[in-house]
Protein backbone atom coordinates (compact mmCIF):
# COMPACT_ATOMS: atom_id res chain seq x y z
CA MET A 1 -130.32 61.78 -84.00
CA ALA A 2 -133.29 61.15 -81.74
CA THR A 3 -134.25 57.70 -80.59
CA ALA A 4 -137.21 55.89 -82.09
CA PRO A 5 -140.65 56.85 -80.68
CA ASN A 6 -142.69 54.30 -78.77
CA ALA A 7 -145.21 51.98 -80.43
CA SER A 8 -148.07 54.42 -79.88
CA SER A 9 -146.57 56.91 -82.33
CA LEU A 10 -148.85 57.86 -85.18
CA PHE A 11 -145.94 57.71 -87.58
CA LEU A 12 -144.39 54.30 -87.03
CA VAL A 13 -143.04 53.14 -90.35
CA SER A 14 -144.48 49.92 -91.70
CA SER A 15 -142.40 46.90 -92.67
CA PRO A 16 -139.74 47.71 -95.30
CA ILE A 17 -140.80 47.61 -98.92
CA SER A 18 -138.24 46.21 -101.29
CA THR A 19 -136.63 48.85 -103.52
CA ALA A 20 -135.09 46.31 -105.90
CA PRO A 21 -136.21 47.14 -109.44
CA ARG A 22 -138.56 44.46 -110.81
CA ALA A 23 -137.80 42.90 -114.16
CA ARG A 24 -140.29 43.42 -116.96
CA ALA A 25 -140.48 42.28 -120.53
CA GLY A 26 -138.69 44.65 -122.87
CA SER A 27 -136.73 46.44 -120.13
CA PHE A 28 -132.96 46.40 -119.95
CA PRO A 29 -131.30 44.45 -117.14
CA LEU A 30 -129.59 46.68 -114.60
CA SER A 31 -126.22 45.39 -115.75
CA ALA A 32 -126.90 46.86 -119.19
CA GLN A 33 -128.06 50.26 -117.93
CA PRO A 34 -125.84 53.28 -117.24
CA SER A 35 -124.21 53.49 -113.84
CA LEU A 36 -127.12 53.39 -111.36
CA ARG A 37 -127.34 52.92 -107.65
CA LEU A 38 -130.37 52.31 -105.52
CA ARG A 39 -130.33 54.46 -102.44
CA PRO A 40 -129.31 52.54 -99.29
CA ARG A 41 -132.04 51.78 -96.80
CA PRO A 42 -132.34 54.42 -94.05
CA PHE A 43 -131.01 53.75 -90.56
CA SER A 44 -133.67 52.29 -88.30
CA ALA A 45 -133.55 55.35 -86.04
CA VAL A 46 -134.35 57.60 -88.98
CA ALA A 47 -136.99 55.26 -90.37
CA ALA A 48 -138.67 55.05 -86.99
CA ALA A 49 -140.77 58.21 -87.56
CA VAL A 50 -141.73 61.72 -86.73
CA GLN A 51 -141.33 63.20 -83.24
CA ALA A 52 -144.35 63.32 -80.94
CA GLU A 53 -144.86 67.06 -81.45
CA HIS A 54 -145.71 66.44 -85.12
CA GLN A 55 -148.57 64.10 -84.30
CA PRO A 56 -151.24 66.76 -83.66
CA ALA A 57 -150.92 68.07 -87.24
CA VAL A 58 -152.36 64.80 -88.52
CA ALA A 59 -154.39 63.77 -85.47
CA ALA A 60 -156.31 67.07 -85.54
CA THR A 61 -157.24 66.63 -89.21
CA PRO A 62 -160.80 65.31 -89.67
CA LYS A 63 -161.00 61.74 -90.93
CA PRO A 64 -161.53 61.79 -94.71
CA PRO A 65 -165.12 61.04 -95.75
CA ALA A 66 -165.63 57.58 -97.22
CA LEU A 67 -165.65 58.81 -100.81
CA PRO A 68 -165.37 56.25 -103.62
CA PHE A 69 -162.23 57.98 -104.89
CA ARG A 70 -159.98 60.93 -104.06
CA VAL A 71 -157.58 62.91 -106.28
CA GLY A 72 -154.35 64.58 -105.17
CA HIS A 73 -151.74 66.78 -106.86
CA GLY A 74 -148.12 67.15 -105.79
CA PHE A 75 -145.44 69.63 -106.85
CA ASP A 76 -141.82 70.00 -105.79
CA LEU A 77 -138.77 71.97 -106.94
CA HIS A 78 -135.16 71.93 -105.80
CA ARG A 79 -132.16 74.03 -106.66
CA LEU A 80 -129.28 72.17 -108.33
CA GLU A 81 -125.77 72.73 -107.00
CA PRO A 82 -122.37 71.26 -107.98
CA ASN A 83 -120.86 68.30 -106.14
CA LEU A 84 -124.12 66.96 -104.72
CA PRO A 85 -125.75 63.60 -105.60
CA LEU A 86 -128.76 63.72 -107.90
CA ILE A 87 -131.37 61.33 -106.49
CA ILE A 88 -134.55 60.80 -108.51
CA GLY A 89 -137.11 58.18 -107.51
CA GLY A 90 -134.59 56.56 -105.16
CA ILE A 91 -132.00 56.19 -107.93
CA ASN A 92 -128.60 57.89 -107.95
CA ILE A 93 -128.37 59.54 -111.39
CA PRO A 94 -124.87 60.41 -112.72
CA HIS A 95 -124.66 64.20 -113.06
CA ASP A 96 -122.33 67.03 -112.10
CA ARG A 97 -125.05 68.64 -109.97
CA GLY A 98 -127.51 67.51 -107.36
CA CYS A 99 -130.42 68.83 -105.31
CA GLU A 100 -129.76 71.07 -102.38
CA ALA A 101 -132.18 70.00 -99.66
CA HIS A 102 -132.44 69.05 -96.01
CA SER A 103 -133.11 65.40 -96.85
CA ASP A 104 -131.71 63.63 -99.92
CA GLY A 105 -133.60 66.08 -102.16
CA ASP A 106 -135.49 63.43 -104.12
CA VAL A 107 -137.83 65.73 -106.04
CA LEU A 108 -139.92 62.86 -107.45
CA LEU A 109 -140.57 61.03 -104.18
CA HIS A 110 -141.31 64.30 -102.37
CA CYS A 111 -143.82 65.15 -105.09
CA VAL A 112 -145.53 61.75 -104.90
CA VAL A 113 -145.76 61.96 -101.11
CA ASP A 114 -147.43 65.37 -101.34
CA ALA A 115 -149.91 64.08 -103.92
CA ILE A 116 -150.95 61.18 -101.66
CA LEU A 117 -151.20 63.39 -98.58
CA GLY A 118 -153.19 65.94 -100.57
CA ALA A 119 -155.65 63.30 -101.75
CA LEU A 120 -156.18 62.27 -98.13
CA GLY A 121 -156.64 65.87 -96.99
CA LEU A 122 -153.58 65.67 -94.71
CA PRO A 123 -150.80 68.22 -94.03
CA ASP A 124 -148.04 68.44 -96.62
CA ILE A 125 -144.61 66.83 -96.42
CA GLY A 126 -143.04 70.03 -95.08
CA GLN A 127 -145.30 69.96 -92.02
CA ILE A 128 -144.95 66.27 -91.28
CA PHE A 129 -141.20 66.09 -91.98
CA PRO A 130 -140.02 69.70 -91.41
CA ASP A 131 -136.56 70.78 -92.57
CA SER A 132 -136.05 72.34 -89.13
CA ASP A 133 -135.79 68.83 -87.66
CA PRO A 134 -132.20 67.50 -87.71
CA ARG A 135 -133.64 63.97 -87.75
CA TRP A 136 -134.28 64.34 -91.48
CA LYS A 137 -130.89 65.76 -92.42
CA GLY A 138 -129.82 63.69 -95.45
CA ALA A 139 -132.67 61.23 -94.85
CA ASP A 140 -133.61 58.75 -97.56
CA SER A 141 -136.96 59.87 -99.01
CA SER A 142 -138.22 56.28 -99.04
CA VAL A 143 -138.97 56.94 -95.34
CA PHE A 144 -141.51 59.58 -96.37
CA MET A 145 -142.93 57.37 -99.11
CA ARG A 146 -143.54 54.44 -96.80
CA GLU A 147 -145.31 56.70 -94.32
CA ALA A 148 -147.56 58.17 -97.03
CA VAL A 149 -148.46 54.68 -98.29
CA LYS A 150 -149.21 53.53 -94.74
CA LEU A 151 -151.51 56.52 -94.16
CA MET A 152 -153.25 55.81 -97.47
CA HIS A 153 -154.04 52.22 -96.45
CA GLU A 154 -155.06 53.23 -92.93
CA ALA A 155 -157.59 55.64 -94.44
CA GLY A 156 -159.09 52.76 -96.43
CA TYR A 157 -157.71 53.61 -99.87
CA GLU A 158 -155.42 52.06 -102.45
CA LEU A 159 -153.70 53.54 -105.46
CA GLY A 160 -155.89 53.74 -108.55
CA ASN A 161 -153.20 55.24 -110.75
CA LEU A 162 -150.37 57.76 -110.67
CA ASP A 163 -149.06 60.09 -113.37
CA ALA A 164 -145.79 61.96 -112.74
CA THR A 165 -143.82 64.44 -114.82
CA LEU A 166 -140.18 65.34 -114.19
CA ILE A 167 -139.00 68.72 -115.50
CA LEU A 168 -135.26 69.18 -115.98
CA GLN A 169 -132.91 70.27 -118.73
CA LYS A 170 -130.09 67.86 -117.85
CA PRO A 171 -129.35 64.99 -117.65
CA LYS A 172 -131.48 62.99 -120.07
CA ILE A 173 -133.76 60.73 -118.04
CA SER A 174 -134.73 58.25 -120.77
CA PRO A 175 -131.87 55.79 -119.98
CA PHE A 176 -132.99 55.64 -116.34
CA LYS A 177 -136.75 56.05 -116.61
CA GLU A 178 -137.73 52.38 -116.38
CA THR A 179 -135.49 51.79 -113.36
CA ILE A 180 -136.94 54.84 -111.63
CA ARG A 181 -140.49 53.74 -112.42
CA SER A 182 -139.81 50.19 -111.21
CA ASN A 183 -138.46 51.47 -107.90
CA LEU A 184 -141.44 53.79 -107.55
CA CYS A 185 -143.78 50.83 -108.11
CA ASP A 186 -142.02 48.86 -105.39
CA LEU A 187 -142.29 51.71 -102.88
CA LEU A 188 -145.98 52.13 -103.68
CA GLY A 189 -146.69 48.40 -103.79
CA ALA A 190 -148.32 49.06 -107.16
CA ASP A 191 -148.47 47.26 -110.49
CA PRO A 192 -146.45 49.01 -113.25
CA SER A 193 -149.62 49.37 -115.32
CA VAL A 194 -150.94 52.06 -112.94
CA VAL A 195 -147.71 54.08 -112.55
CA ASN A 196 -146.69 56.44 -115.34
CA LEU A 197 -143.55 58.58 -115.51
CA LYS A 198 -142.72 61.26 -118.05
CA ALA A 199 -139.75 63.63 -118.37
CA LYS A 200 -139.67 67.04 -120.05
CA THR A 201 -137.03 69.68 -120.65
CA HIS A 202 -137.85 73.35 -120.06
CA GLU A 203 -136.62 74.53 -123.45
CA LYS A 204 -133.67 76.33 -121.81
CA VAL A 205 -136.08 78.78 -120.15
CA ASP A 206 -135.60 80.11 -116.58
CA SER A 207 -133.84 78.18 -113.79
CA LEU A 208 -135.17 74.81 -114.97
CA GLY A 209 -134.01 75.33 -118.52
CA GLU A 210 -130.66 76.67 -117.38
CA ASN A 211 -129.91 73.50 -115.36
CA ARG A 212 -130.13 75.41 -112.08
CA SER A 213 -133.17 73.53 -110.73
CA ILE A 214 -135.34 70.46 -111.15
CA ALA A 215 -139.09 70.09 -110.61
CA ALA A 216 -141.84 67.47 -110.67
CA HIS A 217 -145.63 67.30 -110.83
CA THR A 218 -147.67 64.27 -109.75
CA VAL A 219 -151.38 63.46 -109.88
CA VAL A 220 -152.75 60.44 -108.01
CA LEU A 221 -156.14 58.76 -107.96
CA LEU A 222 -156.93 56.86 -104.75
CA MET A 223 -159.74 54.28 -104.82
CA ARG A 224 -161.80 53.15 -101.85
CA LYS A 225 -160.93 49.54 -100.92
């Protein structure tokens, strides 16, 4: 794994954001929920950022106009394979299959990152964190989330609201939804009132409905500070 870039790197990761789920009225304590695990924090070398050759992709992009608001849409899909962990929103979900991917395969976080980058008019997650780079092999997707949030603030925006939809046939997400949403709020630094998460099956149709893949859609509204 490569060493951390110097301080002039465009992609230095900001100070860690707590991923501990926040307690809210009416939600179950973690001790009462099914077996869940927050993803461990990434190693500092991984969290450090993207290599210097990735900087031009963002540096060459024109600075977004100072619009009062910007809207972005994100989509991601991963194939499910046996004997891999299923990570959704930074939470390890018990299942007999998991996402095959270069990083940890967190379909929800990847989708949210792409929505934020899209709203800012920046390159997508595949360009900024390419799967050809061994640095991101098995990387915790919170690294990508923190970078997207940092870029959002640097551009002068904050999250207005976020609406995400998970699409998978199995497992049922309802027992884990509030924990996933809480962790997503922590990564975004957002109040729960502006972060919405839904989950749908695919009525046993195609690869999603046959439990061979998982997908997510996200729409974000960014507001000028």
